Amino acid sequence: MSTESKKLLNRGTAVDVMSLAKTDSICVIGTGNNLSAVFFRDFLCQYRELLALKFEFPGGKAMWKAKQKQLSVEQINGHVANGNRSIVGRAPENTEMLFTPAELFGAMAQCSSRARMDQHAARAQVQMCRHLIARHVDDKNDRFALLDTARTLKDYVGKAMTGLVGDGIAYLQMVRDGYRWVDHFENHIVHGKPPTTRSPDYVFSRTGDLFVALAESKATKGASRAAFTKTVRDGYHEQVEPYLGRKIGTWIASHGYAVGSWMKSVKKAEIFIDHTVSSDPPSGNDRETSDQSDPRGVRFGSYCGVLTLLFGPDIGEVARDRRWRPSEQNFTTVDWLGRTWIVGEDAEWEPLVVTAEEHLIFKSGPVRFVNGMALDMEVARRVFALIESSEGDLDLMGELPEFPVDLIEAAKRSGGAIFPDGFAVLGREEDLSHFSRIWVKPPAEGALALVETGTPVDALVAEGTQLIDARFPPSPNAGVQKKQALLYLTHE
């Protein structure tokens, strides 16, 4: 980023997009009132670096920016299930994991995007916790732990951060243990009378298993080991166990976990897990009951959560109802690590009804901000086809691509993260290339295809749009403003 741009960023000054685009990698796309400014490449990365330079720990310790942290499962307790033949216990197989700041951020985002709360607030909470964690976890020690400085936070801030970190750790533990897709339990309907007023947090699905797993997350940075052991155990018995073997939505949960993150120690955090144990040796999924369980609804819900992260809650919600029409939208893509990714963009999305059935498309405001998150293009094709299918044919998802270990490790080295469902936190600018704006053909036109807009960026800019600085009231003596695209760059 140019020196002048950094000065403007520090002052929170309005920046003329067109002049900034001449010196920094900002792509301005569109014409007239449809002008869109999209931040690309070194601008985002340098912006993150500039933010990082402003935060240091007392005593000069660097914030947590890149170092992989280690976290271990220190306590495992099994609970024998009842005689329901649908219940097949599964002990955790993974007891050690390494993760980067980007992986923890992506995991927290994955969990928060599906909660039944205001999603704009949820997204803001994740970003807040991302910066708080960076300031209260060191970049030196191998073990993950919250520093003693975290105790200086206001109670409500500390509890929010602890809970969201616990959710992220629980998600990473489940992913490391072979699970691939996640949805919030509350997005699915319990058949019959619910066995209790309480419920688990998440539903996880893995490749090749018609049954699913339930998971409840617990976290603390103040309770004793004994007290937290009881908290995790109670979470399993009261929130997970009552739903095992029951029909919920289209699926049946054959086993479950309560995953606790004990973060009282300033030297190392620990994971406690309570899980389902079979009363008899497992003989595989019972054919009769497995025919009644279909986990594809969980998998589709997982991608609706990803779309919420990429484009906001409005699009995520109508995608879940299959009222969104992605073929009527354009998307920004980028090449990273040998694959093409659809990039998440923050914008003011305005819904437009385009058919009598209230199928929706969304028109963005004049400025789009790349938010650093993405979805693998091949996965996105399948998801878009499913959303637009007339009968919601879940078979359209087919066999989704697997992401090999070497690709996931390459993402870590790039400063990003790739998750098993195809969601990603993008890496450093120098590893990104070929930003494009594309359209997706609807399934009705045959094989799903991508149409890249071939017009050069410079030729796509015809005129600016009039944006007024909302921070100050207009002067009564102000004349007619010149039309231009303005961005307000701020730092925290």
Protein backbone atom coordinates (compact mmCIF):
# COMPACT_ATOMS: atom_id res chain seq x y z
CA MET A 1 0.00 0.00 0.00
CA SER A 2 1.24 3.47 -0.76
CA THR A 3 2.49 5.74 2.02
CA GLU A 4 -0.23 8.27 1.24
CA SER A 5 -2.94 5.62 1.57
CA LYS A 6 -1.61 4.61 4.98
CA LYS A 7 -1.75 8.23 6.10
CA LEU A 8 -5.35 8.46 4.97
CA LEU A 9 -6.14 5.21 6.75
CA ASN A 10 -4.67 6.51 10.00
CA ARG A 11 -6.78 9.65 9.83
CA GLY A 12 -10.01 7.81 8.94
CA THR A 13 -10.21 10.13 5.94
CA ALA A 14 -12.59 9.85 2.99
CA VAL A 15 -10.62 8.41 0.09
CA ASP A 16 -11.36 9.02 -3.59
CA VAL A 17 -11.64 5.48 -4.92
CA MET A 18 -10.43 6.37 -8.39
CA SER A 19 -7.28 8.11 -7.22
CA LEU A 20 -6.55 5.36 -4.71
CA ALA A 21 -7.05 2.68 -7.36
CA LYS A 22 -4.17 4.19 -9.34
CA THR A 23 -1.68 3.44 -6.56
CA ASP A 24 -3.22 0.51 -4.69
CA SER A 25 -4.78 -2.77 -5.76
CA ILE A 26 -8.42 -1.73 -5.57
CA CYS A 27 -10.76 -2.90 -8.28
CA VAL A 28 -13.61 -0.53 -9.15
CA ILE A 29 -16.33 -2.26 -11.14
CA GLY A 30 -19.63 -1.03 -12.59
CA THR A 31 -21.20 1.99 -14.20
CA GLY A 32 -23.36 4.86 -13.01
CA ASN A 33 -25.35 4.08 -9.90
CA ASN A 34 -24.08 0.50 -10.02
CA LEU A 35 -20.46 1.50 -9.42
CA SER A 36 -18.82 -0.92 -7.01
CA ALA A 37 -15.46 -0.52 -5.35
CA VAL A 38 -13.91 -3.81 -4.29
CA PHE A 39 -10.81 -3.93 -2.10
CA PHE A 40 -8.30 -6.46 -3.39
CA ARG A 41 -4.83 -7.80 -2.89
CA ASP A 42 -2.28 -5.88 -0.89
CA PHE A 43 -4.79 -3.34 0.38
CA LEU A 44 -6.54 -5.83 2.65
CA CYS A 45 -3.33 -7.51 3.70
CA GLN A 46 -1.54 -4.26 4.38
CA TYR A 47 -4.60 -2.99 6.22
CA ARG A 48 -4.48 -6.01 8.50
CA GLU A 49 -0.76 -5.51 9.04
CA LEU A 50 -1.30 -1.86 9.87
CA LEU A 51 -3.93 -2.83 12.43
CA ALA A 52 -1.54 -5.37 13.91
CA LEU A 53 1.19 -2.75 14.34
CA LYS A 54 -1.13 -0.65 16.50
CA PHE A 55 -1.68 -3.36 19.11
CA GLU A 56 1.02 -4.50 21.48
CA PHE A 57 0.86 -6.14 24.84
CA PRO A 58 2.08 -4.40 27.95
CA GLY A 59 5.78 -5.02 28.22
CA GLY A 60 6.28 -5.11 24.46
CA LYS A 61 5.07 -8.66 23.77
CA ALA A 62 3.82 -9.16 20.21
CA MET A 63 0.20 -10.04 19.59
CA TRP A 64 -0.81 -13.52 18.34
CA LYS A 65 -0.48 -13.20 14.59
CA ALA A 66 0.78 -16.44 13.08
CA LYS A 67 2.20 -19.05 15.46
CA GLN A 68 0.48 -22.44 15.54
CA LYS A 69 -0.83 -23.26 18.99
CA GLN A 70 -1.16 -26.70 20.51
CA LEU A 71 -4.20 -27.88 22.45
CA SER A 72 -4.78 -31.32 23.97
CA VAL A 73 -7.73 -33.37 25.14
CA GLU A 74 -6.81 -33.99 28.77
CA GLN A 75 -9.97 -35.61 30.06
CA ILE A 76 -12.37 -38.07 28.36
CA ASN A 77 -15.46 -39.55 30.02
CA GLY A 78 -17.75 -42.05 28.31
CA HIS A 79 -21.43 -42.56 29.09
CA VAL A 80 -23.24 -45.79 28.28
CA ALA A 81 -26.24 -45.24 26.03
CA ASN A 82 -29.69 -46.76 26.48
CA GLY A 83 -30.80 -49.79 24.51
CA ASN A 84 -31.91 -47.85 21.40
CA ARG A 85 -30.29 -49.66 18.47
CA SER A 86 -29.87 -46.38 16.60
CA ILE A 87 -27.34 -45.24 19.19
CA VAL A 88 -23.76 -46.26 18.40
CA GLY A 89 -21.12 -44.70 20.61
CA ARG A 90 -17.98 -43.13 19.20
CA ALA A 91 -15.07 -42.05 21.36
CA PRO A 92 -12.96 -39.10 20.22
CA GLU A 93 -10.04 -40.32 18.14
CA ASN A 94 -8.13 -37.06 17.94
CA THR A 95 -6.56 -35.90 21.22
CA GLU A 96 -4.00 -33.34 19.98
CA MET A 97 -4.37 -30.48 17.58
CA LEU A 98 -2.46 -27.53 16.21
CA PHE A 99 -4.22 -24.44 14.92
CA THR A 100 -3.41 -20.94 13.71
CA PRO A 101 -5.14 -17.61 14.48
CA ALA A 102 -6.86 -17.78 11.07
CA GLU A 103 -8.21 -21.26 11.82
CA LEU A 104 -9.61 -20.21 15.18
CA PHE A 105 -11.17 -17.12 13.62
CA GLY A 106 -12.77 -19.18 10.86
CA ALA A 107 -14.03 -21.72 13.39
CA MET A 108 -15.61 -19.02 15.55
CA ALA A 109 -17.21 -17.50 12.46
CA GLN A 110 -18.58 -20.89 11.37
CA CYS A 111 -20.24 -21.36 14.75
CA SER A 112 -21.61 -17.84 15.17
CA SER A 113 -23.18 -17.64 11.72
CA ARG A 114 -25.82 -20.19 12.57
CA ALA A 115 -27.12 -18.98 15.90
CA ARG A 116 -30.66 -17.60 16.10
CA MET A 117 -29.61 -14.07 16.89
CA ASP A 118 -29.19 -10.89 14.91
CA GLN A 119 -26.53 -11.97 12.43
CA HIS A 120 -25.17 -8.47 11.96
CA ALA A 121 -24.46 -8.44 15.70
CA ALA A 122 -23.01 -11.97 15.53
CA ARG A 123 -20.58 -10.96 12.78
CA ALA A 124 -19.50 -7.91 14.76
CA GLN A 125 -19.02 -10.06 17.87
CA VAL A 126 -16.72 -12.45 16.00
CA GLN A 127 -14.58 -9.59 14.73
CA MET A 128 -14.42 -8.10 18.23
CA CYS A 129 -13.35 -11.43 19.73
CA ARG A 130 -10.80 -11.94 16.97
CA HIS A 131 -9.00 -8.76 18.00
CA LEU A 132 -9.41 -9.45 21.72
CA ILE A 133 -7.92 -12.93 21.37
CA ALA A 134 -4.97 -11.53 19.45
CA ARG A 135 -4.26 -9.17 22.33
CA HIS A 136 -4.65 -11.77 25.05
CA VAL A 137 -2.80 -14.74 23.51
CA ASP A 138 0.96 -14.51 23.04
CA ASP A 139 2.85 -15.28 19.85
CA LYS A 140 5.71 -17.10 21.61
CA ASN A 141 4.60 -20.13 23.61
CA ASP A 142 3.61 -23.40 21.95
CA ARG A 143 0.52 -24.04 24.08
CA PHE A 144 -2.72 -22.13 23.59
CA ALA A 145 -3.78 -20.15 26.67
CA LEU A 146 -5.48 -16.89 27.52
CA LEU A 147 -3.04 -14.57 29.24
CA ASP A 148 -3.69 -13.07 32.65
CA THR A 149 -4.46 -9.76 30.91
CA ALA A 150 -7.79 -11.29 29.82
CA ARG A 151 -8.96 -10.98 33.44
CA THR A 152 -8.91 -7.20 33.10
CA LEU A 153 -11.77 -7.27 30.59
CA LYS A 154 -15.24 -6.25 31.64
CA ASP A 155 -17.23 -9.29 32.77
CA TYR A 156 -19.66 -9.24 29.87
CA VAL A 157 -16.84 -8.84 27.33
CA GLY A 158 -14.77 -11.61 28.91
CA LYS A 159 -17.71 -14.02 28.99
CA ALA A 160 -18.57 -13.35 25.35
CA MET A 161 -14.97 -13.92 24.29
CA THR A 162 -14.60 -17.08 26.38
CA GLY A 163 -17.83 -18.57 25.04
CA LEU A 164 -16.99 -17.85 21.41
CA VAL A 165 -13.44 -19.20 21.79
CA GLY A 166 -14.94 -22.33 23.34
CA ASP A 167 -17.27 -22.71 20.35
CA GLY A 168 -14.33 -22.34 17.97
CA ILE A 169 -12.25 -24.91 19.86
CA ALA A 170 -15.18 -27.35 19.91
CA TYR A 171 -15.61 -26.95 16.16
CA LEU A 172 -11.89 -27.50 15.52
CA GLN A 173 -11.92 -30.60 17.74
CA MET A 174 -14.86 -32.07 15.82
CA VAL A 175 -13.25 -31.26 12.46
CA ARG A 176 -9.98 -32.87 13.52
CA ASP A 177 -12.00 -35.91 14.53
CA GLY A 178 -13.36 -36.41 11.02
CA TYR A 179 -16.52 -34.33 10.91
CA ARG A 180 -17.05 -32.07 7.92
CA TRP A 181 -20.35 -30.18 8.07
CA VAL A 182 -22.05 -28.33 10.93
CA ASP A 183 -25.41 -26.69 11.50
CA HIS A 184 -27.16 -25.25 14.52
CA PHE A 185 -29.45 -27.75 16.25
CA GLU A 186 -32.22 -25.18 16.50
CA ASN A 187 -32.52 -25.01 12.69
CA HIS A 188 -34.10 -28.49 12.74
CA ILE A 189 -37.49 -29.64 14.01
CA VAL A 190 -37.80 -32.32 16.69
CA HIS A 191 -40.44 -34.91 15.78
CA GLY A 192 -42.94 -35.31 18.58
CA LYS A 193 -42.68 -33.70 21.98
CA PRO A 194 -39.16 -32.46 22.83
CA PRO A 195 -37.71 -34.51 25.67
CA THR A 196 -36.44 -31.39 27.46
CA THR A 197 -36.51 -27.63 27.16
CA ARG A 198 -32.73 -27.60 26.73
CA SER A 199 -30.85 -28.61 23.59
CA PRO A 200 -27.30 -29.02 22.23
CA ASP A 201 -25.54 -26.35 20.23
CA TYR A 202 -24.58 -28.14 17.02
CA VAL A 203 -25.24 -31.01 14.65
CA PHE A 204 -22.18 -32.46 12.86
CA SER A 205 -22.08 -34.74 9.84
CA ARG A 206 -19.20 -36.69 8.33
CA THR A 207 -18.65 -38.33 4.97
CA GLY A 208 -20.08 -41.83 4.59
CA ASP A 209 -22.25 -41.75 7.74
CA LEU A 210 -26.05 -41.54 7.47
CA PHE A 211 -26.28 -40.70 11.17
CA VAL A 212 -25.09 -37.45 12.73
CA ALA A 213 -23.45 -36.35 15.97
CA LEU A 214 -24.71 -33.79 18.45
CA ALA A 215 -22.30 -31.45 20.20
CA GLU A 216 -22.59 -29.07 23.12
CA SER A 217 -19.85 -26.52 23.75
CA LYS A 218 -18.80 -25.38 27.22
CA ALA A 219 -16.03 -22.96 28.18
CA THR A 220 -14.60 -21.24 31.24
CA LYS A 221 -11.60 -19.21 32.31
CA GLY A 222 -12.58 -19.02 35.98
CA ALA A 223 -14.05 -22.31 37.23
CA SER A 224 -12.01 -24.95 39.03
CA ARG A 225 -11.17 -28.21 37.27
CA ALA A 226 -13.68 -30.15 39.40
CA ALA A 227 -16.47 -27.63 38.87
CA PHE A 228 -15.92 -27.53 35.11
CA THR A 229 -15.77 -31.31 34.90
CA LYS A 230 -19.29 -31.35 36.33
CA THR A 231 -20.41 -28.61 33.94
CA VAL A 232 -19.29 -30.64 30.92
CA ARG A 233 -20.83 -33.84 32.29
CA ASP A 234 -24.15 -32.10 32.97
CA GLY A 235 -24.07 -30.61 29.49
CA TYR A 236 -23.87 -34.09 28.00
CA HIS A 237 -26.61 -35.60 30.17
CA GLU A 238 -29.02 -32.66 30.00
CA GLN A 239 -28.49 -31.30 26.47
CA VAL A 240 -27.09 -34.11 24.31
CA GLU A 241 -28.21 -37.49 25.63
CA PRO A 242 -32.00 -36.84 25.59
CA TYR A 243 -31.97 -36.38 21.80
CA LEU A 244 -29.94 -39.44 20.83
CA GLY A 245 -31.82 -41.97 18.69
CA ARG A 246 -34.70 -39.55 18.03
CA LYS A 247 -35.88 -38.36 14.60
CA ILE A 248 -35.06 -34.68 14.20
CA GLY A 249 -35.58 -33.01 10.85
CA THR A 250 -34.53 -35.67 8.34
CA TRP A 251 -31.82 -37.23 10.49
CA ILE A 252 -31.14 -39.31 13.58
CA ALA A 253 -28.25 -38.64 15.97
CA SER A 254 -26.48 -41.87 16.85
CA HIS A 255 -23.96 -40.32 19.26
CA GLY A 256 -22.92 -37.04 20.79
CA TYR A 257 -20.33 -35.02 22.67
CA ALA A 258 -20.00 -32.29 25.23
CA VAL A 259 -16.74 -30.48 24.46
CA GLY A 260 -15.40 -28.25 27.21
CA SER A 261 -12.58 -25.70 26.95
CA TRP A 262 -10.95 -25.16 30.33
CA MET A 263 -8.92 -21.95 30.07
CA LYS A 264 -8.23 -21.05 33.68
CA SER A 265 -4.49 -21.70 33.45
CA VAL A 266 -2.39 -18.96 31.85
CA LYS A 267 0.11 -21.61 30.68
CA LYS A 268 -2.12 -23.98 28.75
CA ALA A 269 -5.79 -24.52 28.03
CA GLU A 270 -7.25 -28.04 28.12
CA ILE A 271 -10.14 -29.84 26.45
CA PHE A 272 -12.58 -32.02 28.40
CA ILE A 273 -14.89 -34.35 26.45
CA ASP A 274 -17.89 -36.39 27.54
CA HIS A 275 -19.19 -38.75 24.85
CA THR A 276 -21.52 -41.62 24.01
CA VAL A 277 -20.46 -45.22 24.65
CA SER A 278 -22.38 -48.18 23.22
CA SER A 279 -23.79 -50.69 25.67
CA ASP A 280 -22.85 -53.47 23.20
CA PRO A 281 -19.94 -53.68 20.77
CA PRO A 282 -20.89 -51.59 17.71
CA SER A 283 -21.84 -53.59 14.64
CA GLY A 284 -22.26 -50.67 12.25
CA ASN A 285 -25.35 -48.62 11.48
CA ASP A 286 -28.53 -50.65 11.66
CA ARG A 287 -29.95 -50.87 8.12
CA GLU A 288 -33.57 -50.30 9.11
CA THR A 289 -32.90 -47.19 11.17
CA SER A 290 -30.17 -45.84 8.86
CA ASP A 291 -32.71 -45.77 6.04
CA GLN A 292 -34.68 -43.31 8.15
CA SER A 293 -31.73 -40.95 8.62
CA ASP A 294 -30.69 -38.50 5.91
CA PRO A 295 -27.94 -36.03 6.90
CA ARG A 296 -28.04 -33.96 3.70
CA GLY A 297 -30.25 -31.33 5.34
CA VAL A 298 -27.47 -30.70 7.85
CA ARG A 299 -24.96 -30.40 5.04
CA PHE A 300 -27.12 -27.94 3.11
CA GLY A 301 -27.65 -25.94 6.30
CA SER A 302 -23.88 -25.84 6.73
CA TYR A 303 -23.53 -24.02 3.40
CA CYS A 304 -26.36 -21.63 4.18
CA GLY A 305 -24.27 -20.62 7.18
CA VAL A 306 -21.24 -20.13 4.92
CA LEU A 307 -23.31 -17.91 2.61
CA THR A 308 -24.27 -15.86 5.67
CA LEU A 309 -20.57 -15.37 6.40
CA LEU A 310 -19.78 -14.45 2.81
CA PHE A 311 -22.68 -12.16 1.97
CA GLY A 312 -24.61 -11.46 5.15
CA PRO A 313 -27.71 -12.81 6.92
CA ASP A 314 -30.27 -11.63 4.37
CA ILE A 315 -28.81 -13.82 1.63
CA GLY A 316 -28.12 -16.69 4.04
CA GLU A 317 -31.75 -16.80 5.21
CA VAL A 318 -33.37 -16.77 1.75
CA ALA A 319 -30.83 -19.34 0.54
CA ARG A 320 -32.01 -21.71 3.29
CA ASP A 321 -35.60 -21.21 2.06
CA ARG A 322 -34.35 -21.67 -1.54
CA ARG A 323 -35.84 -18.34 -2.58
CA TRP A 324 -32.49 -16.85 -3.63
CA ARG A 325 -31.42 -16.83 -7.29
CA PRO A 326 -27.60 -16.86 -7.46
CA SER A 327 -27.78 -17.12 -11.27
CA GLU A 328 -29.10 -13.54 -11.29
CA GLN A 329 -26.12 -12.21 -9.33
CA ASN A 330 -22.49 -11.63 -10.10
CA PHE A 331 -19.70 -12.78 -7.83
CA THR A 332 -16.06 -11.92 -7.29
CA THR A 333 -13.58 -14.79 -7.59
CA VAL A 334 -9.89 -15.19 -6.87
CA ASP A 335 -7.32 -17.89 -7.53
CA TRP A 336 -5.50 -19.17 -4.44
CA LEU A 337 -3.36 -22.28 -3.99
CA GLY A 338 -4.31 -23.67 -7.37
CA ARG A 339 -8.09 -23.41 -6.84
CA THR A 340 -10.71 -20.78 -7.62
CA TRP A 341 -12.73 -19.28 -4.76
CA ILE A 342 -15.88 -17.15 -4.57
CA VAL A 343 -14.98 -14.22 -2.35
CA GLY A 344 -17.17 -12.88 0.46
CA GLU A 345 -18.21 -9.26 0.13
CA ASP A 346 -19.71 -6.91 2.69
CA ALA A 347 -22.21 -4.54 1.13
CA GLU A 348 -25.64 -3.03 1.62
CA TRP A 349 -27.65 -5.75 -0.15
CA GLU A 350 -31.10 -4.69 -1.33
CA PRO A 351 -33.52 -7.59 -2.06
CA LEU A 352 -35.47 -7.44 -5.31
CA VAL A 353 -38.49 -9.70 -5.99
CA VAL A 354 -38.14 -11.04 -9.52
CA THR A 355 -40.94 -13.65 -9.80
CA ALA A 356 -44.42 -14.29 -8.48
CA GLU A 357 -42.96 -17.00 -6.21
CA GLU A 358 -40.89 -14.30 -4.50
CA HIS A 359 -37.60 -15.60 -5.77
CA LEU A 360 -35.07 -13.01 -4.74
CA ILE A 361 -31.94 -11.46 -6.10
CA PHE A 362 -29.89 -8.90 -4.22
CA LYS A 363 -28.55 -5.65 -5.58
CA SER A 364 -25.51 -4.31 -3.75
CA GLY A 365 -24.86 -0.73 -2.77
CA PRO A 366 -22.14 1.35 -4.46
CA VAL A 367 -19.27 -0.10 -2.41
CA ARG A 368 -18.31 -3.71 -1.75
CA PHE A 369 -15.64 -4.67 0.76
CA VAL A 370 -13.92 -8.02 0.37
CA ASN A 371 -14.22 -9.56 3.84
CA GLY A 372 -11.40 -12.11 3.61
CA MET A 373 -13.65 -15.20 3.58
CA ALA A 374 -14.38 -17.47 0.61
CA LEU A 375 -16.03 -20.66 -0.64
CA ASP A 376 -14.43 -23.13 -3.04
CA MET A 377 -15.85 -22.64 -6.54
CA GLU A 378 -16.57 -26.31 -7.19
CA VAL A 379 -18.50 -26.56 -3.92
CA ALA A 380 -20.33 -23.29 -4.68
CA ARG A 381 -21.51 -24.68 -8.02
CA ARG A 382 -23.22 -27.60 -6.31
CA VAL A 383 -24.76 -25.41 -3.62
CA PHE A 384 -26.07 -22.86 -6.13
CA ALA A 385 -27.59 -25.64 -8.24
CA LEU A 386 -29.35 -27.03 -5.18
CA ILE A 387 -30.73 -23.63 -4.18
CA GLU A 388 -32.20 -23.09 -7.64
CA SER A 389 -33.51 -26.62 -8.17
CA SER A 390 -37.30 -26.63 -8.41
CA GLU A 391 -37.75 -29.50 -5.95
CA GLY A 392 -34.72 -28.91 -3.76
CA ASP A 393 -33.03 -32.07 -4.98
CA LEU A 394 -30.33 -32.71 -2.39
CA ASP A 395 -28.67 -35.20 -4.73
CA LEU A 396 -27.40 -32.23 -6.73
CA MET A 397 -24.70 -31.78 -4.10
CA GLY A 398 -23.28 -35.14 -5.15
CA GLU A 399 -19.78 -36.06 -4.14
CA LEU A 400 -18.22 -32.83 -2.94
CA PRO A 401 -14.47 -32.35 -3.41
CA GLU A 402 -12.09 -33.34 -0.66
CA PHE A 403 -9.33 -30.99 0.43
CA PRO A 404 -6.03 -32.83 0.93
CA VAL A 405 -3.82 -32.28 3.93
CA ASP A 406 -1.06 -30.66 1.89
CA LEU A 407 -3.51 -28.01 0.62
CA ILE A 408 -4.73 -27.28 4.14
CA GLU A 409 -1.13 -26.95 5.35
CA ALA A 410 -0.32 -24.66 2.42
CA ALA A 411 -3.24 -22.45 3.46
CA LYS A 412 -1.78 -22.19 6.96
CA ARG A 413 1.60 -21.14 5.57
CA SER A 414 -0.19 -18.53 3.48
CA GLY A 415 -1.74 -17.03 6.61
CA GLY A 416 -5.20 -18.40 5.85
CA ALA A 417 -7.27 -21.50 6.57
CA ILE A 418 -9.24 -24.09 4.58
CA PHE A 419 -11.97 -26.12 6.29
CA PRO A 420 -13.32 -29.53 5.20
CA ASP A 421 -16.62 -28.12 3.87
CA GLY A 422 -14.81 -25.78 1.43
CA PHE A 423 -15.10 -22.61 3.49
CA ALA A 424 -11.85 -20.64 3.74
CA VAL A 425 -10.17 -17.64 5.30
CA LEU A 426 -8.00 -16.24 2.50
CA GLY A 427 -4.24 -15.97 2.91
CA ARG A 428 -1.68 -13.31 2.10
CA GLU A 429 -1.91 -11.00 -0.89
CA GLU A 430 1.12 -12.37 -2.69
CA ASP A 431 -0.57 -15.79 -2.90
CA LEU A 432 -3.78 -14.41 -4.45
CA SER A 433 -4.19 -13.82 -8.18
CA HIS A 434 -6.64 -13.32 -11.04
CA PHE A 435 -9.48 -11.44 -9.39
CA SER A 436 -12.55 -11.65 -11.64
CA ARG A 437 -16.25 -10.85 -11.67
CA ILE A 438 -18.34 -13.81 -12.88
CA TRP A 439 -21.94 -14.87 -13.46
CA VAL A 440 -23.30 -18.34 -12.77
CA LYS A 441 -25.65 -19.84 -15.35
CA PRO A 442 -28.88 -21.28 -13.90
CA PRO A 443 -29.27 -25.09 -13.84
CA ALA A 444 -32.11 -24.87 -16.40
CA GLU A 445 -29.57 -23.93 -19.06
CA GLY A 446 -27.74 -27.22 -18.75
CA ALA A 447 -24.50 -27.97 -16.99
CA LEU A 448 -23.67 -25.32 -14.45
CA ALA A 449 -21.08 -23.00 -15.93
CA LEU A 450 -19.30 -19.79 -15.10
CA VAL A 451 -19.23 -16.78 -17.38
CA GLU A 452 -16.36 -14.41 -16.68
CA THR A 453 -16.81 -10.74 -17.47
CA GLY A 454 -13.97 -10.02 -19.84
CA THR A 455 -14.12 -6.23 -19.80
CA PRO A 456 -10.96 -4.64 -18.40
CA VAL A 457 -11.42 -2.96 -15.04
CA ASP A 458 -10.46 0.48 -16.34
CA ALA A 459 -13.17 0.28 -19.01
CA LEU A 460 -15.86 -0.60 -16.50
CA VAL A 461 -15.72 2.74 -14.72
CA ALA A 462 -17.90 5.34 -16.40
CA GLU A 463 -18.81 7.73 -13.62
CA GLY A 464 -18.91 7.98 -9.85
CA THR A 465 -21.84 8.01 -7.47
CA GLN A 466 -22.68 10.79 -5.09
CA LEU A 467 -21.87 9.79 -1.52
CA ILE A 468 -22.21 12.30 1.30
CA ASP A 469 -19.99 12.23 4.37
CA ALA A 470 -22.48 11.19 7.04
CA ARG A 471 -20.16 12.14 9.89
CA PHE A 472 -20.80 15.86 9.48
CA PRO A 473 -24.03 17.79 8.73
CA PRO A 474 -24.08 19.44 5.29
CA SER A 475 -23.16 23.08 5.23
CA PRO A 476 -26.03 25.39 4.22
CA ASN A 477 -23.60 27.13 1.88
CA ALA A 478 -22.40 23.92 0.27
CA GLY A 479 -22.60 23.92 -3.50
CA VAL A 480 -23.32 21.04 -5.81
CA GLN A 481 -20.98 18.17 -5.00
CA LYS A 482 -18.91 16.54 -7.69
CA LYS A 483 -19.90 12.90 -8.23
CA GLN A 484 -17.25 10.56 -6.93
CA ALA A 485 -16.97 7.24 -5.15
CA LEU A 486 -15.73 7.67 -1.60
CA LEU A 487 -14.58 5.08 0.91
CA TYR A 488 -14.11 5.82 4.60
CA LEU A 489 -11.14 3.86 5.87
CA THR A 490 -10.97 3.44 9.61
CA HIS A 491 -8.94 1.43 12.08
CA GLU A 492 -9.85 0.04 15.47
